[in-house]
Amino acid sequence: MLIDFLGHGYSDRPEKFGYTLEDHADTIVTLLDALGLMERPLAAVLVGLAMPRWYLHGELSEPEPDYERFLAESGIGFRIVPAAGHPMGLQNPAGLAATVAGIVAESGQHWS
């Protein structure tokens, strides 16, 4: 799941929205509530999926050794996207694409 702030990127820009940080936070909480994800942390959702799972981490982001250990113990793949922080697709789109292509190639599966 990817969440984009209203009025940013490709998201619509409703006229009757305040665009403060609090407005965006309220929208995300409403979305998570509607999806039933507030009771379950995202990590629990990942662990419960019966499909290949990968966590991509930007090289310039703060390291998260405890989370990396949890991912490894849960069978969730971990890859670092070079020369990027959290906004990987903006900071290094070619590196993000290469990382995803590498995962797909390693999986030996055909994706459509």
N, C-alpha and C. Protein backbone atom coordinates (compact mmCIF):
# COMPACT_ATOMS: atom_id res chain seq x y z
N MET A 1 0.85 -1.16 0.00
CA MET A 1 0.00 0.00 0.00
C MET A 1 0.90 1.23 0.00
N LEU A 2 0.58 2.17 -0.83
CA LEU A 2 1.28 3.44 -0.87
C LEU A 2 0.28 4.55 -0.58
N ILE A 3 0.67 5.48 0.23
CA ILE A 3 -0.20 6.60 0.57
C ILE A 3 0.48 7.88 0.11
N ASP A 4 -0.24 8.69 -0.60
CA ASP A 4 0.26 9.97 -1.10
C ASP A 4 -0.60 11.07 -0.50
N PHE A 5 0.01 12.16 -0.07
CA PHE A 5 -0.76 13.28 0.45
C PHE A 5 -1.65 13.87 -0.63
N LEU A 6 -2.86 14.26 -0.26
CA LEU A 6 -3.74 14.94 -1.21
C LEU A 6 -3.04 16.18 -1.75
N GLY A 7 -3.17 16.40 -3.04
CA GLY A 7 -2.58 17.58 -3.66
C GLY A 7 -1.10 17.47 -3.96
N HIS A 8 -0.49 16.32 -3.72
CA HIS A 8 0.92 16.10 -3.99
C HIS A 8 1.06 14.95 -4.99
N GLY A 9 2.10 14.99 -5.79
CA GLY A 9 2.30 13.92 -6.76
C GLY A 9 1.14 13.87 -7.74
N TYR A 10 0.58 12.68 -7.92
CA TYR A 10 -0.53 12.49 -8.85
C TYR A 10 -1.89 12.57 -8.17
N SER A 11 -1.91 12.89 -6.88
CA SER A 11 -3.17 12.95 -6.15
C SER A 11 -3.99 14.16 -6.54
N ASP A 12 -5.31 13.98 -6.47
CA ASP A 12 -6.21 15.12 -6.71
C ASP A 12 -5.98 16.19 -5.66
N ARG A 13 -6.39 17.41 -5.97
CA ARG A 13 -6.26 18.52 -5.04
C ARG A 13 -7.64 19.10 -4.73
N PRO A 14 -8.37 18.46 -3.80
CA PRO A 14 -9.70 18.97 -3.45
C PRO A 14 -9.64 20.40 -2.93
N GLU A 15 -10.60 21.21 -3.32
CA GLU A 15 -10.62 22.62 -2.92
C GLU A 15 -10.98 22.79 -1.45
N LYS A 16 -11.77 21.88 -0.89
CA LYS A 16 -12.23 22.02 0.50
C LYS A 16 -11.39 21.18 1.46
N PHE A 17 -10.08 21.23 1.30
CA PHE A 17 -9.16 20.50 2.17
C PHE A 17 -8.12 21.49 2.66
N GLY A 18 -7.75 21.41 3.95
CA GLY A 18 -6.87 22.42 4.55
C GLY A 18 -5.39 22.29 4.21
N TYR A 19 -4.92 21.12 3.87
CA TYR A 19 -3.53 20.86 3.51
C TYR A 19 -2.52 21.12 4.63
N THR A 20 -2.98 21.13 5.87
CA THR A 20 -2.03 21.21 6.99
C THR A 20 -1.55 19.79 7.28
N LEU A 21 -0.49 19.68 8.05
CA LEU A 21 0.01 18.37 8.44
C LEU A 21 -1.07 17.59 9.21
N GLU A 22 -1.82 18.30 10.05
CA GLU A 22 -2.89 17.66 10.81
C GLU A 22 -3.99 17.12 9.89
N ASP A 23 -4.33 17.88 8.83
CA ASP A 23 -5.33 17.43 7.87
C ASP A 23 -4.87 16.15 7.18
N HIS A 24 -3.61 16.11 6.78
CA HIS A 24 -3.07 14.92 6.13
C HIS A 24 -3.06 13.73 7.09
N ALA A 25 -2.65 13.97 8.33
CA ALA A 25 -2.62 12.90 9.33
C ALA A 25 -4.02 12.35 9.57
N ASP A 26 -5.01 13.23 9.68
CA ASP A 26 -6.39 12.78 9.88
C ASP A 26 -6.87 11.92 8.71
N THR A 27 -6.49 12.30 7.50
CA THR A 27 -6.88 11.53 6.31
C THR A 27 -6.26 10.13 6.34
N ILE A 28 -4.99 10.04 6.73
CA ILE A 28 -4.32 8.74 6.80
C ILE A 28 -4.94 7.86 7.87
N VAL A 29 -5.24 8.43 9.03
CA VAL A 29 -5.87 7.66 10.10
C VAL A 29 -7.24 7.16 9.65
N THR A 30 -8.00 8.01 8.95
CA THR A 30 -9.31 7.61 8.44
C THR A 30 -9.17 6.45 7.45
N LEU A 31 -8.17 6.53 6.57
CA LEU A 31 -7.93 5.47 5.60
C LEU A 31 -7.56 4.16 6.31
N LEU A 32 -6.65 4.23 7.25
CA LEU A 32 -6.22 3.02 7.97
C LEU A 32 -7.37 2.41 8.75
N ASP A 33 -8.21 3.26 9.36
CA ASP A 33 -9.39 2.76 10.06
C ASP A 33 -10.33 2.05 9.10
N ALA A 34 -10.56 2.66 7.93
CA ALA A 34 -11.47 2.08 6.93
C ALA A 34 -10.93 0.73 6.42
N LEU A 35 -9.62 0.60 6.34
CA LEU A 35 -9.01 -0.65 5.90
C LEU A 35 -8.85 -1.67 7.02
N GLY A 36 -9.16 -1.25 8.25
CA GLY A 36 -9.04 -2.15 9.39
C GLY A 36 -7.61 -2.42 9.79
N LEU A 37 -6.70 -1.46 9.53
CA LEU A 37 -5.27 -1.68 9.81
C LEU A 37 -4.80 -1.02 11.10
N MET A 38 -5.64 -0.32 11.82
CA MET A 38 -5.14 0.35 13.03
C MET A 38 -4.85 -0.63 14.14
N GLU A 39 -5.58 -1.76 14.16
CA GLU A 39 -5.35 -2.74 15.22
C GLU A 39 -4.12 -3.58 14.94
N ARG A 40 -3.75 -3.71 13.67
CA ARG A 40 -2.61 -4.53 13.29
C ARG A 40 -1.51 -3.65 12.73
N PRO A 41 -0.32 -3.70 13.30
CA PRO A 41 0.77 -2.93 12.70
C PRO A 41 1.07 -3.46 11.31
N LEU A 42 1.65 -2.60 10.48
CA LEU A 42 1.98 -2.98 9.11
C LEU A 42 2.83 -4.24 9.08
N ALA A 43 3.73 -4.38 10.03
CA ALA A 43 4.58 -5.57 10.06
C ALA A 43 3.75 -6.84 10.17
N ALA A 44 2.69 -6.81 10.96
CA ALA A 44 1.83 -7.98 11.11
C ALA A 44 1.11 -8.29 9.81
N VAL A 45 0.75 -7.25 9.07
CA VAL A 45 0.11 -7.45 7.77
C VAL A 45 1.09 -8.13 6.82
N LEU A 46 2.33 -7.67 6.80
CA LEU A 46 3.34 -8.28 5.92
C LEU A 46 3.56 -9.75 6.26
N VAL A 47 3.68 -10.05 7.54
CA VAL A 47 3.94 -11.42 7.96
C VAL A 47 2.79 -12.33 7.55
N GLY A 48 1.57 -11.82 7.58
CA GLY A 48 0.40 -12.64 7.28
C GLY A 48 0.15 -12.88 5.80
N LEU A 49 0.87 -12.24 4.91
CA LEU A 49 0.64 -12.42 3.48
C LEU A 49 1.29 -13.71 2.99
N ALA A 50 0.58 -14.43 2.14
CA ALA A 50 1.09 -15.69 1.58
C ALA A 50 1.61 -15.44 0.17
N MET A 51 2.63 -14.61 0.07
CA MET A 51 3.23 -14.26 -1.21
C MET A 51 4.64 -13.75 -0.94
N PRO A 52 5.49 -13.68 -1.94
CA PRO A 52 6.82 -13.11 -1.71
C PRO A 52 6.69 -11.65 -1.27
N ARG A 53 7.44 -11.29 -0.25
CA ARG A 53 7.39 -9.92 0.29
C ARG A 53 8.80 -9.36 0.38
N TRP A 54 8.90 -8.09 0.07
CA TRP A 54 10.20 -7.41 0.11
C TRP A 54 10.02 -6.05 0.77
N TYR A 55 11.02 -5.65 1.52
CA TYR A 55 11.05 -4.32 2.14
C TYR A 55 12.22 -3.58 1.51
N LEU A 56 11.94 -2.44 0.90
CA LEU A 56 12.99 -1.65 0.27
C LEU A 56 13.32 -0.48 1.18
N HIS A 57 14.60 -0.26 1.40
CA HIS A 57 15.08 0.77 2.33
C HIS A 57 16.08 1.65 1.59
N GLY A 58 15.87 2.96 1.63
CA GLY A 58 16.81 3.87 0.99
C GLY A 58 18.13 3.91 1.73
N GLU A 59 19.22 3.85 0.99
CA GLU A 59 20.57 3.85 1.56
C GLU A 59 20.81 5.06 2.47
N LEU A 60 20.20 6.20 2.14
CA LEU A 60 20.42 7.43 2.91
C LEU A 60 19.48 7.56 4.09
N SER A 61 18.55 6.61 4.27
CA SER A 61 17.64 6.62 5.41
C SER A 61 18.36 6.12 6.65
N GLU A 62 17.81 6.44 7.80
CA GLU A 62 18.39 5.96 9.06
C GLU A 62 18.33 4.44 9.10
N PRO A 63 19.39 3.78 9.53
CA PRO A 63 19.37 2.32 9.64
C PRO A 63 18.37 1.87 10.71
N GLU A 64 17.77 0.71 10.49
CA GLU A 64 16.80 0.14 11.42
C GLU A 64 17.17 -1.32 11.70
N PRO A 65 18.26 -1.56 12.44
CA PRO A 65 18.74 -2.94 12.62
C PRO A 65 17.72 -3.86 13.27
N ASP A 66 16.92 -3.37 14.22
CA ASP A 66 15.92 -4.23 14.86
C ASP A 66 14.84 -4.64 13.85
N TYR A 67 14.43 -3.70 13.00
CA TYR A 67 13.41 -4.00 12.00
C TYR A 67 13.97 -4.94 10.93
N GLU A 68 15.22 -4.72 10.55
CA GLU A 68 15.86 -5.62 9.57
C GLU A 68 15.92 -7.04 10.12
N ARG A 69 16.23 -7.18 11.39
CA ARG A 69 16.29 -8.50 12.03
C ARG A 69 14.89 -9.14 12.03
N PHE A 70 13.87 -8.35 12.38
CA PHE A 70 12.49 -8.84 12.36
C PHE A 70 12.11 -9.32 10.96
N LEU A 71 12.46 -8.55 9.93
CA LEU A 71 12.14 -8.94 8.55
C LEU A 71 12.80 -10.27 8.19
N ALA A 72 14.08 -10.39 8.53
CA ALA A 72 14.80 -11.62 8.22
C ALA A 72 14.17 -12.82 8.93
N GLU A 73 13.83 -12.66 10.20
CA GLU A 73 13.21 -13.74 10.97
C GLU A 73 11.84 -14.10 10.44
N SER A 74 11.18 -13.15 9.78
CA SER A 74 9.82 -13.37 9.25
C SER A 74 9.82 -13.83 7.80
N GLY A 75 11.00 -13.99 7.21
CA GLY A 75 11.09 -14.43 5.83
C GLY A 75 10.76 -13.34 4.81
N ILE A 76 10.88 -12.09 5.22
CA ILE A 76 10.61 -10.96 4.34
C ILE A 76 11.95 -10.46 3.81
N GLY A 77 12.07 -10.40 2.49
CA GLY A 77 13.31 -9.95 1.88
C GLY A 77 13.59 -8.48 2.17
N PHE A 78 14.84 -8.11 2.15
CA PHE A 78 15.27 -6.74 2.45
C PHE A 78 16.29 -6.32 1.40
N ARG A 79 16.07 -5.20 0.78
CA ARG A 79 17.01 -4.66 -0.18
C ARG A 79 17.20 -3.18 0.08
N ILE A 80 18.41 -2.71 -0.17
CA ILE A 80 18.74 -1.29 -0.03
C ILE A 80 18.77 -0.66 -1.42
N VAL A 81 18.05 0.43 -1.57
CA VAL A 81 18.07 1.19 -2.82
C VAL A 81 19.19 2.21 -2.69
N PRO A 82 20.19 2.17 -3.58
CA PRO A 82 21.36 3.05 -3.45
C PRO A 82 21.01 4.51 -3.71
N ALA A 83 21.79 5.38 -3.08
CA ALA A 83 21.72 6.84 -3.31
C ALA A 83 20.31 7.39 -3.17
N ALA A 84 19.56 6.90 -2.18
CA ALA A 84 18.20 7.39 -1.96
C ALA A 84 17.86 7.30 -0.49
N GLY A 85 16.98 8.19 -0.07
CA GLY A 85 16.42 8.13 1.27
C GLY A 85 15.02 7.55 1.17
N HIS A 86 14.10 8.12 1.96
CA HIS A 86 12.73 7.63 1.95
C HIS A 86 12.03 7.83 0.60
N PRO A 87 12.18 8.98 -0.07
CA PRO A 87 11.51 9.15 -1.37
C PRO A 87 12.33 8.55 -2.51
N MET A 88 12.49 7.23 -2.49
CA MET A 88 13.36 6.52 -3.44
C MET A 88 13.00 6.81 -4.89
N GLY A 89 11.72 6.84 -5.19
CA GLY A 89 11.28 7.06 -6.56
C GLY A 89 11.59 8.44 -7.08
N LEU A 90 11.78 9.39 -6.18
CA LEU A 90 12.15 10.75 -6.58
C LEU A 90 13.65 10.95 -6.60
N GLN A 91 14.34 10.40 -5.60
CA GLN A 91 15.77 10.63 -5.47
C GLN A 91 16.62 9.75 -6.38
N ASN A 92 16.17 8.53 -6.65
CA ASN A 92 16.92 7.64 -7.52
C ASN A 92 15.97 6.67 -8.21
N PRO A 93 15.17 7.17 -9.16
CA PRO A 93 14.21 6.29 -9.83
C PRO A 93 14.89 5.13 -10.55
N ALA A 94 16.05 5.37 -11.16
CA ALA A 94 16.75 4.28 -11.86
C ALA A 94 17.23 3.23 -10.86
N GLY A 95 17.72 3.67 -9.70
CA GLY A 95 18.17 2.73 -8.67
C GLY A 95 17.01 1.92 -8.10
N LEU A 96 15.87 2.56 -7.91
CA LEU A 96 14.67 1.86 -7.43
C LEU A 96 14.23 0.82 -8.47
N ALA A 97 14.18 1.23 -9.73
CA ALA A 97 13.78 0.31 -10.80
C ALA A 97 14.75 -0.87 -10.89
N ALA A 98 16.04 -0.60 -10.78
CA ALA A 98 17.04 -1.67 -10.86
C ALA A 98 16.90 -2.63 -9.67
N THR A 99 16.61 -2.10 -8.50
CA THR A 99 16.43 -2.94 -7.32
C THR A 99 15.22 -3.85 -7.49
N VAL A 100 14.11 -3.28 -7.95
CA VAL A 100 12.90 -4.08 -8.17
C VAL A 100 13.14 -5.11 -9.27
N ALA A 101 13.80 -4.70 -10.36
CA ALA A 101 14.10 -5.64 -11.45
C ALA A 101 14.98 -6.78 -10.96
N GLY A 102 15.92 -6.48 -10.09
CA GLY A 102 16.78 -7.53 -9.52
C GLY A 102 15.99 -8.53 -8.69
N ILE A 103 15.05 -8.03 -7.91
CA ILE A 103 14.21 -8.91 -7.10
C ILE A 103 13.38 -9.82 -8.00
N VAL A 104 12.78 -9.24 -9.03
CA VAL A 104 11.96 -10.02 -9.96
C VAL A 104 12.82 -11.07 -10.67
N ALA A 105 14.00 -10.67 -11.12
CA ALA A 105 14.89 -11.62 -11.81
C ALA A 105 15.32 -12.75 -10.89
N GLU A 106 15.62 -12.44 -9.64
CA GLU A 106 16.04 -13.47 -8.68
C GLU A 106 14.91 -14.43 -8.34
N SER A 107 13.68 -13.94 -8.41
CA SER A 107 12.55 -14.79 -8.00
C SER A 107 12.29 -15.91 -8.99
N GLY A 108 12.72 -15.72 -10.24
CA GLY A 108 12.50 -16.74 -11.24
C GLY A 108 11.05 -16.88 -11.66
N GLN A 109 10.21 -15.95 -11.21
CA GLN A 109 8.79 -15.99 -11.57
C GLN A 109 8.53 -14.98 -12.67
N HIS A 110 7.47 -15.21 -13.39
CA HIS A 110 7.05 -14.26 -14.42
C HIS A 110 5.95 -13.39 -13.84
N TRP A 111 6.14 -12.10 -13.90
CA TRP A 111 5.18 -11.15 -13.35
C TRP A 111 4.47 -10.49 -14.51
N SER A 112 3.20 -10.26 -14.35
CA SER A 112 2.46 -9.56 -15.41
C SER A 112 1.66 -8.43 -14.84
